């Protein structure tokens, strides 16, 4: 696509991807940019992206960097110009699994750190000899076990996603 207005299908993708991003607690503008790139047969310049998504070039640039960090978009160039052009990574399943894993790893890491702080609390270790303390210690062990299981399960996501090919 050259530097022109988006077609009707691309406008629908911009709108739909923006709504989907909002549903999953992502920035709507990030979704809009990804939707445009996903529906574009050729890489687009920053100017074309900003114009098509009706946002400033600065805003579009920030969100493009986020998409690049996620692996959802990549930069390219065209001969005869110094502009950067952007295209979408169209492996939706791979992107979704990667984002899900990264999000869960971050949240699990925070949760594990908080559990560790609780375990290191002196009042907990000295209270293990009381019925209430022993009960609390048992619950902490159960939570840690559950976290280990969740971590194991999330490491299997990419493998499970590829099972469909064999069914």
N, C-alpha and C. Protein backbone atom coordinates (compact mmCIF):
# COMPACT_ATOMS: atom_id res chain seq x y z
N UNK A 1 0.85 -1.18 0.00
CA UNK A 1 0.00 0.00 0.00
C UNK A 1 0.89 1.23 0.00
N UNK A 2 0.62 2.17 -0.85
CA UNK A 2 1.37 3.42 -0.87
C UNK A 2 0.80 4.35 0.18
N UNK A 3 1.37 5.55 0.23
CA UNK A 3 0.95 6.52 1.24
C UNK A 3 -0.43 7.08 0.87
N UNK A 4 -1.48 6.34 1.16
CA UNK A 4 -2.84 6.80 0.88
C UNK A 4 -3.72 6.44 2.05
N UNK A 5 -4.96 6.84 1.96
CA UNK A 5 -5.91 6.55 3.04
C UNK A 5 -6.19 5.05 3.11
N UNK A 6 -6.48 4.55 4.30
CA UNK A 6 -6.78 3.12 4.42
C UNK A 6 -8.08 2.78 3.71
N UNK A 7 -8.15 1.56 3.19
CA UNK A 7 -9.39 1.13 2.55
C UNK A 7 -10.39 0.70 3.62
N UNK A 8 -11.58 0.35 3.20
CA UNK A 8 -12.66 0.01 4.13
C UNK A 8 -12.31 -1.18 5.01
N UNK A 9 -11.70 -2.21 4.43
CA UNK A 9 -11.33 -3.39 5.20
C UNK A 9 -10.30 -3.02 6.27
N UNK A 10 -9.32 -2.21 5.90
CA UNK A 10 -8.30 -1.79 6.86
C UNK A 10 -8.92 -0.97 7.99
N UNK A 11 -9.90 -0.13 7.67
CA UNK A 11 -10.59 0.64 8.71
C UNK A 11 -11.30 -0.29 9.69
N UNK A 12 -11.90 -1.35 9.16
CA UNK A 12 -12.56 -2.34 10.03
C UNK A 12 -11.53 -3.04 10.92
N UNK A 13 -10.38 -3.38 10.35
CA UNK A 13 -9.32 -4.01 11.16
C UNK A 13 -8.82 -3.07 12.24
N UNK A 14 -8.64 -1.80 11.90
CA UNK A 14 -8.18 -0.81 12.88
C UNK A 14 -9.16 -0.77 14.05
N UNK A 15 -10.44 -0.66 13.73
CA UNK A 15 -11.49 -0.57 14.76
C UNK A 15 -11.57 -1.86 15.58
N UNK A 16 -11.61 -3.00 14.90
CA UNK A 16 -11.74 -4.29 15.60
C UNK A 16 -10.53 -4.55 16.50
N UNK A 17 -9.33 -4.34 15.98
CA UNK A 17 -8.13 -4.61 16.77
C UNK A 17 -8.05 -3.65 17.96
N UNK A 18 -8.49 -2.41 17.80
CA UNK A 18 -8.52 -1.48 18.92
C UNK A 18 -9.47 -1.95 20.01
N UNK A 19 -10.65 -2.42 19.60
CA UNK A 19 -11.61 -2.95 20.57
C UNK A 19 -11.07 -4.20 21.28
N UNK A 20 -10.46 -5.09 20.51
CA UNK A 20 -9.91 -6.32 21.10
C UNK A 20 -8.80 -5.98 22.10
N UNK A 21 -7.94 -5.04 21.75
CA UNK A 21 -6.86 -4.64 22.66
C UNK A 21 -7.46 -4.14 23.97
N UNK A 22 -8.49 -3.32 23.88
CA UNK A 22 -9.16 -2.82 25.09
C UNK A 22 -9.75 -3.93 25.93
N UNK A 23 -10.33 -4.94 25.28
CA UNK A 23 -10.92 -6.07 26.01
C UNK A 23 -9.89 -6.85 26.80
N UNK A 24 -8.65 -6.87 26.29
CA UNK A 24 -7.59 -7.61 26.95
C UNK A 24 -6.66 -6.71 27.76
N UNK A 25 -7.16 -5.52 28.09
CA UNK A 25 -6.44 -4.55 28.93
C UNK A 25 -5.14 -4.05 28.31
N UNK A 26 -5.09 -4.00 26.99
CA UNK A 26 -3.98 -3.37 26.29
C UNK A 26 -4.44 -1.99 25.85
N UNK A 27 -3.49 -1.16 25.51
CA UNK A 27 -3.81 0.17 25.00
C UNK A 27 -4.54 0.04 23.66
N UNK A 28 -5.64 0.73 23.53
CA UNK A 28 -6.45 0.66 22.31
C UNK A 28 -5.64 1.09 21.08
N UNK A 29 -4.82 2.12 21.23
CA UNK A 29 -4.02 2.61 20.09
C UNK A 29 -3.03 1.56 19.60
N UNK A 30 -2.47 0.79 20.52
CA UNK A 30 -1.56 -0.29 20.11
C UNK A 30 -2.32 -1.29 19.26
N UNK A 31 -3.51 -1.63 19.68
CA UNK A 31 -4.34 -2.55 18.90
C UNK A 31 -4.68 -1.99 17.53
N UNK A 32 -5.00 -0.71 17.47
CA UNK A 32 -5.35 -0.08 16.19
C UNK A 32 -4.18 -0.14 15.21
N UNK A 33 -2.99 0.17 15.71
CA UNK A 33 -1.81 0.13 14.84
C UNK A 33 -1.55 -1.29 14.37
N UNK A 34 -1.64 -2.24 15.28
CA UNK A 34 -1.41 -3.63 14.88
C UNK A 34 -2.46 -4.06 13.85
N UNK A 35 -3.71 -3.70 14.06
CA UNK A 35 -4.77 -4.05 13.11
C UNK A 35 -4.50 -3.50 11.72
N UNK A 36 -4.04 -2.25 11.66
CA UNK A 36 -3.71 -1.65 10.37
C UNK A 36 -2.56 -2.40 9.70
N UNK A 37 -1.50 -2.64 10.46
CA UNK A 37 -0.35 -3.35 9.89
C UNK A 37 -0.72 -4.76 9.45
N UNK A 38 -1.54 -5.42 10.23
CA UNK A 38 -1.97 -6.78 9.93
C UNK A 38 -2.75 -6.83 8.60
N UNK A 39 -3.54 -5.81 8.35
CA UNK A 39 -4.38 -5.77 7.15
C UNK A 39 -3.69 -5.11 5.96
N UNK A 40 -2.46 -4.68 6.14
CA UNK A 40 -1.75 -3.98 5.05
C UNK A 40 -0.84 -4.95 4.31
N UNK A 41 -0.99 -5.02 3.00
CA UNK A 41 -0.16 -5.94 2.21
C UNK A 41 1.30 -5.50 2.11
N UNK A 42 1.58 -4.23 2.35
CA UNK A 42 2.93 -3.70 2.28
C UNK A 42 3.26 -2.98 3.58
N UNK A 43 4.55 -2.90 3.92
CA UNK A 43 4.94 -2.12 5.10
C UNK A 43 4.50 -0.66 4.96
N UNK A 44 4.20 -0.04 6.10
CA UNK A 44 3.72 1.35 6.12
C UNK A 44 4.70 2.24 6.86
N UNK A 45 4.74 3.51 6.45
CA UNK A 45 5.58 4.49 7.13
C UNK A 45 4.89 4.97 8.40
N UNK A 46 5.67 5.57 9.27
CA UNK A 46 5.12 6.15 10.50
C UNK A 46 4.03 7.16 10.17
N UNK A 47 4.27 7.98 9.16
CA UNK A 47 3.29 9.00 8.78
C UNK A 47 1.97 8.38 8.33
N UNK A 48 2.06 7.31 7.51
CA UNK A 48 0.85 6.65 7.03
C UNK A 48 0.10 5.98 8.18
N UNK A 49 0.85 5.41 9.12
CA UNK A 49 0.22 4.76 10.27
C UNK A 49 -0.51 5.79 11.13
N UNK A 50 0.17 6.88 11.43
CA UNK A 50 -0.44 7.93 12.26
C UNK A 50 -1.69 8.49 11.60
N UNK A 51 -1.61 8.75 10.30
CA UNK A 51 -2.76 9.30 9.57
C UNK A 51 -3.92 8.31 9.55
N UNK A 52 -3.63 7.06 9.23
CA UNK A 52 -4.68 6.05 9.13
C UNK A 52 -5.38 5.81 10.46
N UNK A 53 -4.60 5.85 11.55
CA UNK A 53 -5.16 5.58 12.88
C UNK A 53 -5.58 6.86 13.60
N UNK A 54 -5.47 7.98 12.91
CA UNK A 54 -5.88 9.28 13.44
C UNK A 54 -5.25 9.57 14.80
N UNK A 55 -3.90 9.50 14.81
CA UNK A 55 -3.16 9.82 16.03
C UNK A 55 -1.90 10.58 15.64
N UNK A 56 -1.27 11.18 16.60
CA UNK A 56 -0.04 11.92 16.33
C UNK A 56 1.09 10.95 15.97
N UNK A 57 2.09 11.47 15.26
CA UNK A 57 3.24 10.64 14.92
C UNK A 57 3.99 10.21 16.19
N UNK A 58 4.03 11.09 17.18
CA UNK A 58 4.69 10.75 18.44
C UNK A 58 4.01 9.58 19.13
N UNK A 59 2.69 9.63 19.19
CA UNK A 59 1.92 8.54 19.80
C UNK A 59 2.11 7.25 19.02
N UNK A 60 2.03 7.34 17.70
CA UNK A 60 2.21 6.15 16.86
C UNK A 60 3.62 5.58 17.05
N UNK A 61 4.62 6.44 17.14
CA UNK A 61 6.00 5.99 17.32
C UNK A 61 6.18 5.23 18.63
N UNK A 62 5.62 5.75 19.70
CA UNK A 62 5.71 5.09 21.01
C UNK A 62 5.07 3.70 20.94
N UNK A 63 3.90 3.62 20.35
CA UNK A 63 3.19 2.34 20.28
C UNK A 63 3.87 1.36 19.33
N UNK A 64 4.49 1.87 18.27
CA UNK A 64 5.24 0.99 17.37
C UNK A 64 6.44 0.37 18.09
N UNK A 65 7.10 1.15 18.93
CA UNK A 65 8.22 0.60 19.71
C UNK A 65 7.73 -0.51 20.62
N UNK A 66 6.56 -0.32 21.22
CA UNK A 66 5.99 -1.37 22.07
C UNK A 66 5.72 -2.63 21.25
N UNK A 67 5.12 -2.45 20.09
CA UNK A 67 4.83 -3.60 19.22
C UNK A 67 6.12 -4.30 18.78
N UNK A 68 7.16 -3.53 18.53
CA UNK A 68 8.45 -4.12 18.17
C UNK A 68 9.02 -4.92 19.33
N UNK A 69 8.93 -4.37 20.54
CA UNK A 69 9.41 -5.06 21.74
C UNK A 69 8.69 -6.38 21.92
N UNK A 70 7.41 -6.41 21.65
CA UNK A 70 6.61 -7.63 21.78
C UNK A 70 6.87 -8.62 20.64
N UNK A 71 7.52 -8.16 19.58
CA UNK A 71 7.71 -9.01 18.41
C UNK A 71 6.50 -9.02 17.50
N UNK A 72 5.57 -8.08 17.71
CA UNK A 72 4.34 -8.03 16.92
C UNK A 72 4.50 -7.21 15.65
N UNK A 73 5.55 -6.41 15.56
CA UNK A 73 5.82 -5.60 14.37
C UNK A 73 7.33 -5.53 14.19
N UNK A 74 7.72 -5.32 12.95
CA UNK A 74 9.15 -5.16 12.68
C UNK A 74 9.36 -4.05 11.65
N UNK A 75 10.54 -3.47 11.74
CA UNK A 75 10.93 -2.37 10.87
C UNK A 75 11.51 -2.91 9.57
N UNK A 76 11.28 -2.16 8.50
CA UNK A 76 11.92 -2.48 7.23
C UNK A 76 12.21 -1.15 6.52
N UNK A 77 12.73 -1.22 5.35
CA UNK A 77 13.03 -0.01 4.60
C UNK A 77 12.69 -0.23 3.14
N UNK A 78 12.60 0.87 2.42
CA UNK A 78 12.35 0.81 0.98
C UNK A 78 13.48 1.54 0.28
N UNK A 79 13.95 1.00 -0.81
CA UNK A 79 15.03 1.67 -1.55
C UNK A 79 14.62 3.08 -1.96
N UNK A 80 15.55 4.01 -1.86
CA UNK A 80 15.30 5.38 -2.29
C UNK A 80 14.70 6.28 -1.22
N UNK A 81 14.50 5.78 -0.02
CA UNK A 81 13.95 6.60 1.06
C UNK A 81 14.69 6.31 2.35
N UNK A 82 14.73 7.30 3.23
CA UNK A 82 15.37 7.11 4.53
C UNK A 82 14.34 6.80 5.62
N UNK A 83 13.08 6.75 5.25
CA UNK A 83 12.02 6.47 6.23
C UNK A 83 12.06 5.02 6.67
N UNK A 84 11.63 4.81 7.90
CA UNK A 84 11.39 3.45 8.38
C UNK A 84 9.97 3.06 8.00
N UNK A 85 9.81 1.79 7.66
CA UNK A 85 8.50 1.24 7.36
C UNK A 85 8.26 0.08 8.31
N UNK A 86 7.00 -0.20 8.57
CA UNK A 86 6.64 -1.21 9.57
C UNK A 86 5.67 -2.22 8.99
N UNK A 87 5.87 -3.47 9.40
CA UNK A 87 4.97 -4.55 9.00
C UNK A 87 4.64 -5.39 10.23
N UNK A 88 3.51 -6.07 10.18
CA UNK A 88 3.06 -6.89 11.30
C UNK A 88 3.66 -8.28 11.23
N UNK A 89 3.92 -8.85 12.39
CA UNK A 89 4.17 -10.28 12.52
C UNK A 89 2.77 -10.89 12.50
N UNK A 90 2.47 -11.70 11.52
CA UNK A 90 1.10 -12.22 11.37
C UNK A 90 0.87 -13.56 12.05
N UNK A 91 1.85 -14.04 12.82
CA UNK A 91 1.69 -15.28 13.58
C UNK A 91 0.90 -14.98 14.85
N UNK A 92 -0.42 -14.87 14.72
CA UNK A 92 -1.27 -14.48 15.85
C UNK A 92 -1.18 -15.47 17.00
N UNK A 93 -1.18 -16.75 16.70
CA UNK A 93 -1.12 -17.76 17.75
C UNK A 93 0.19 -17.64 18.53
N UNK A 94 1.29 -17.51 17.82
CA UNK A 94 2.59 -17.36 18.48
C UNK A 94 2.67 -16.11 19.32
N UNK A 95 2.14 -14.99 18.79
CA UNK A 95 2.14 -13.73 19.54
C UNK A 95 1.28 -13.84 20.80
N UNK A 96 0.11 -14.44 20.67
CA UNK A 96 -0.79 -14.56 21.82
C UNK A 96 -0.15 -15.42 22.91
N UNK A 97 0.46 -16.51 22.52
CA UNK A 97 1.11 -17.39 23.51
C UNK A 97 2.26 -16.66 24.18
N UNK A 98 3.06 -15.96 23.39
CA UNK A 98 4.20 -15.23 23.95
C UNK A 98 3.74 -14.16 24.94
N UNK A 99 2.73 -13.39 24.57
CA UNK A 99 2.23 -12.33 25.46
C UNK A 99 1.63 -12.93 26.73
N UNK A 100 0.90 -14.02 26.58
CA UNK A 100 0.30 -14.69 27.73
C UNK A 100 1.38 -15.19 28.67
N UNK A 101 2.40 -15.83 28.11
CA UNK A 101 3.49 -16.33 28.95
C UNK A 101 4.21 -15.19 29.65
N UNK A 102 4.54 -14.14 28.92
CA UNK A 102 5.26 -13.02 29.52
C UNK A 102 4.44 -12.36 30.63
N UNK A 103 3.16 -12.17 30.37
CA UNK A 103 2.30 -11.57 31.38
C UNK A 103 2.19 -12.43 32.63
N UNK A 104 2.04 -13.73 32.43
CA UNK A 104 1.92 -14.63 33.58
C UNK A 104 3.24 -14.75 34.32
N UNK A 105 4.35 -14.81 33.59
CA UNK A 105 5.66 -14.89 34.26
C UNK A 105 5.88 -13.67 35.15
N UNK A 106 5.51 -12.52 34.66
CA UNK A 106 5.67 -11.29 35.44
C UNK A 106 4.80 -11.35 36.70
N UNK A 107 3.55 -11.72 36.53
CA UNK A 107 2.63 -11.77 37.67
C UNK A 107 3.03 -12.86 38.68
N UNK A 108 3.44 -14.00 38.17
CA UNK A 108 3.88 -15.08 39.05
C UNK A 108 5.13 -14.66 39.81
N UNK A 109 6.03 -13.96 39.14
CA UNK A 109 7.25 -13.47 39.80
C UNK A 109 6.93 -12.54 40.95
N UNK A 110 5.99 -11.64 40.75
CA UNK A 110 5.58 -10.73 41.82
C UNK A 110 4.96 -11.51 42.97
N UNK A 111 4.10 -12.46 42.63
CA UNK A 111 3.43 -13.27 43.65
C UNK A 111 4.44 -14.09 44.45
N UNK A 112 5.42 -14.69 43.75
CA UNK A 112 6.44 -15.48 44.43
C UNK A 112 7.28 -14.62 45.37
N UNK A 113 7.60 -13.42 44.94
CA UNK A 113 8.38 -12.52 45.79
C UNK A 113 7.60 -12.16 47.05
N UNK A 114 6.31 -11.93 46.91
CA UNK A 114 5.49 -11.60 48.08
C UNK A 114 5.36 -12.80 49.02
N UNK A 115 5.22 -13.99 48.45
CA UNK A 115 5.17 -15.20 49.27
C UNK A 115 6.49 -15.37 50.03
N UNK A 116 7.59 -15.11 49.37
CA UNK A 116 8.89 -15.25 50.01
C UNK A 116 9.03 -14.27 51.17
N UNK A 117 8.54 -13.05 50.99
CA UNK A 117 8.57 -12.05 52.08
C UNK A 117 7.75 -12.55 53.27
N UNK A 118 6.61 -13.15 52.98
CA UNK A 118 5.77 -13.67 54.06
C UNK A 118 6.50 -14.80 54.78
N UNK A 119 7.13 -15.69 54.02
CA UNK A 119 7.84 -16.82 54.63
C UNK A 119 9.01 -16.36 55.49
N UNK A 120 9.65 -15.28 55.08
CA UNK A 120 10.81 -14.78 55.81
C UNK A 120 10.43 -13.96 57.05
N UNK A 121 9.16 -13.65 57.17
CA UNK A 121 8.68 -12.88 58.33
C UNK A 121 8.98 -13.67 59.60
N UNK A 122 9.62 -13.04 60.53
CA UNK A 122 10.03 -13.72 61.77
C UNK A 122 8.83 -14.23 62.57
N UNK A 123 7.76 -13.49 62.58
CA UNK A 123 6.61 -13.91 63.37
C UNK A 123 6.02 -15.22 62.83
N UNK A 124 6.17 -15.43 61.50
CA UNK A 124 5.64 -16.66 60.92
C UNK A 124 6.49 -17.86 61.34
N UNK A 125 7.81 -17.71 61.27
CA UNK A 125 8.66 -18.85 61.62
C UNK A 125 8.55 -19.19 63.11
N UNK A 126 8.39 -18.17 63.95
CA UNK A 126 8.25 -18.46 65.38
C UNK A 126 6.85 -18.97 65.72
N UNK A 127 5.87 -18.66 64.87
CA UNK A 127 4.49 -19.08 65.14
C UNK A 127 4.15 -20.44 64.58
N UNK A 128 5.09 -21.12 63.90
CA UNK A 128 4.81 -22.43 63.31
C UNK A 128 4.44 -23.48 64.36
N UNK A 129 4.83 -23.21 65.59
CA UNK A 129 4.57 -24.18 66.65
C UNK A 129 3.17 -24.06 67.24
N UNK A 130 2.42 -23.08 66.78
CA UNK A 130 1.03 -22.95 67.22
C UNK A 130 0.13 -23.56 66.15
N UNK A 131 -1.08 -23.96 66.50
CA UNK A 131 -1.98 -24.52 65.48
C UNK A 131 -2.24 -23.53 64.34
N UNK A 132 -2.45 -22.28 64.66
CA UNK A 132 -2.72 -21.28 63.61
C UNK A 132 -1.49 -21.07 62.73
N UNK A 133 -0.30 -21.06 63.34
CA UNK A 133 0.94 -20.89 62.59
C UNK A 133 1.21 -22.08 61.68
N UNK A 134 0.96 -23.27 62.18
CA UNK A 134 1.16 -24.47 61.37
C UNK A 134 0.19 -24.49 60.19
N UNK A 135 -1.04 -24.05 60.45
CA UNK A 135 -2.05 -23.98 59.39
C UNK A 135 -1.62 -22.99 58.31
N UNK A 136 -1.14 -21.82 58.73
CA UNK A 136 -0.69 -20.79 57.79
C UNK A 136 0.51 -21.29 56.98
N UNK A 137 1.45 -21.97 57.63
CA UNK A 137 2.63 -22.51 56.94
C UNK A 137 2.21 -23.54 55.89
N UNK A 138 1.22 -24.35 56.23
CA UNK A 138 0.72 -25.36 55.29
C UNK A 138 0.10 -24.68 54.06
N UNK A 139 -0.65 -23.61 54.30
CA UNK A 139 -1.28 -22.89 53.19
C UNK A 139 -0.23 -22.26 52.29
N UNK A 140 0.85 -21.74 52.89
CA UNK A 140 1.93 -21.17 52.09
C UNK A 140 2.57 -22.23 51.20
N UNK A 141 2.78 -23.41 51.76
CA UNK A 141 3.36 -24.51 50.99
C UNK A 141 2.44 -24.89 49.83
N UNK A 142 1.13 -24.91 50.08
CA UNK A 142 0.17 -25.24 49.03
C UNK A 142 0.21 -24.19 47.92
N UNK A 143 0.32 -22.91 48.28
CA UNK A 143 0.40 -21.84 47.28
C UNK A 143 1.67 -21.97 46.44
N UNK A 144 2.78 -22.27 47.11
CA UNK A 144 4.03 -22.45 46.37
C UNK A 144 3.94 -23.63 45.41
N UNK A 145 3.33 -24.70 45.84
CA UNK A 145 3.14 -25.87 44.98
C UNK A 145 2.27 -25.52 43.77
N UNK A 146 1.21 -24.79 44.01
CA UNK A 146 0.33 -24.37 42.92
C UNK A 146 1.09 -23.49 41.93
N UNK A 147 1.90 -22.57 42.42
CA UNK A 147 2.69 -21.72 41.53
C UNK A 147 3.64 -22.54 40.67
N UNK A 148 4.29 -23.54 41.25
CA UNK A 148 5.19 -24.40 40.48
C UNK A 148 4.41 -25.13 39.37
N UNK A 149 3.21 -25.58 39.69
CA UNK A 149 2.39 -26.27 38.69
C UNK A 149 1.98 -25.32 37.56
N UNK A 150 1.60 -24.11 37.94
CA UNK A 150 1.21 -23.11 36.93
C UNK A 150 2.40 -22.79 36.03
N UNK A 151 3.58 -22.61 36.62
CA UNK A 151 4.77 -22.35 35.82
C UNK A 151 5.06 -23.50 34.86
N UNK A 152 4.92 -24.71 35.32
CA UNK A 152 5.13 -25.87 34.45
C UNK A 152 4.11 -25.89 33.32
N UNK A 153 2.88 -25.59 33.66
CA UNK A 153 1.82 -25.58 32.65
C UNK A 153 2.05 -24.53 31.58
N UNK A 154 2.50 -23.34 31.98
CA UNK A 154 2.72 -22.28 31.00
C UNK A 154 3.91 -22.57 30.11
N UNK A 155 4.87 -23.34 30.60
CA UNK A 155 6.00 -23.68 29.74
C UNK A 155 5.57 -24.66 28.64
N UNK A 156 4.44 -25.34 28.85
CA UNK A 156 3.93 -26.29 27.87
C UNK A 156 3.02 -25.65 26.82
N UNK A 157 2.62 -24.40 27.01
CA UNK A 157 1.69 -23.75 26.09
C UNK A 157 2.12 -23.82 24.62
N UNK A 158 3.36 -23.46 24.29
CA UNK A 158 3.74 -23.53 22.87
C UNK A 158 3.61 -24.94 22.30
N UNK A 159 3.93 -25.94 23.10
CA UNK A 159 3.82 -27.33 22.63
C UNK A 159 2.36 -27.71 22.42
N UNK A 160 1.49 -27.29 23.33
CA UNK A 160 0.07 -27.61 23.21
C UNK A 160 -0.54 -26.92 21.99
N UNK A 161 -0.10 -25.71 21.70
CA UNK A 161 -0.62 -24.97 20.57
C UNK A 161 -0.27 -25.67 19.25
N UNK A 162 0.84 -26.37 19.22
CA UNK A 162 1.26 -27.06 18.00
C UNK A 162 0.64 -28.44 17.85
N UNK A 163 -0.04 -28.95 18.88
CA UNK A 163 -0.67 -30.26 18.80
C UNK A 163 -1.74 -30.32 17.72
N UNK A 164 -2.40 -29.21 17.47
CA UNK A 164 -3.49 -29.18 16.50
C UNK A 164 -3.02 -29.67 15.13
N UNK A 165 -1.76 -29.42 14.81
CA UNK A 165 -1.23 -29.87 13.51
C UNK A 165 -1.26 -31.38 13.38
N UNK A 166 -1.16 -32.08 14.50
CA UNK A 166 -1.07 -33.52 14.46
C UNK A 166 -2.41 -34.22 14.64
N UNK A 167 -3.45 -33.49 14.95
CA UNK A 167 -4.77 -34.09 15.16
C UNK A 167 -5.56 -34.20 13.89
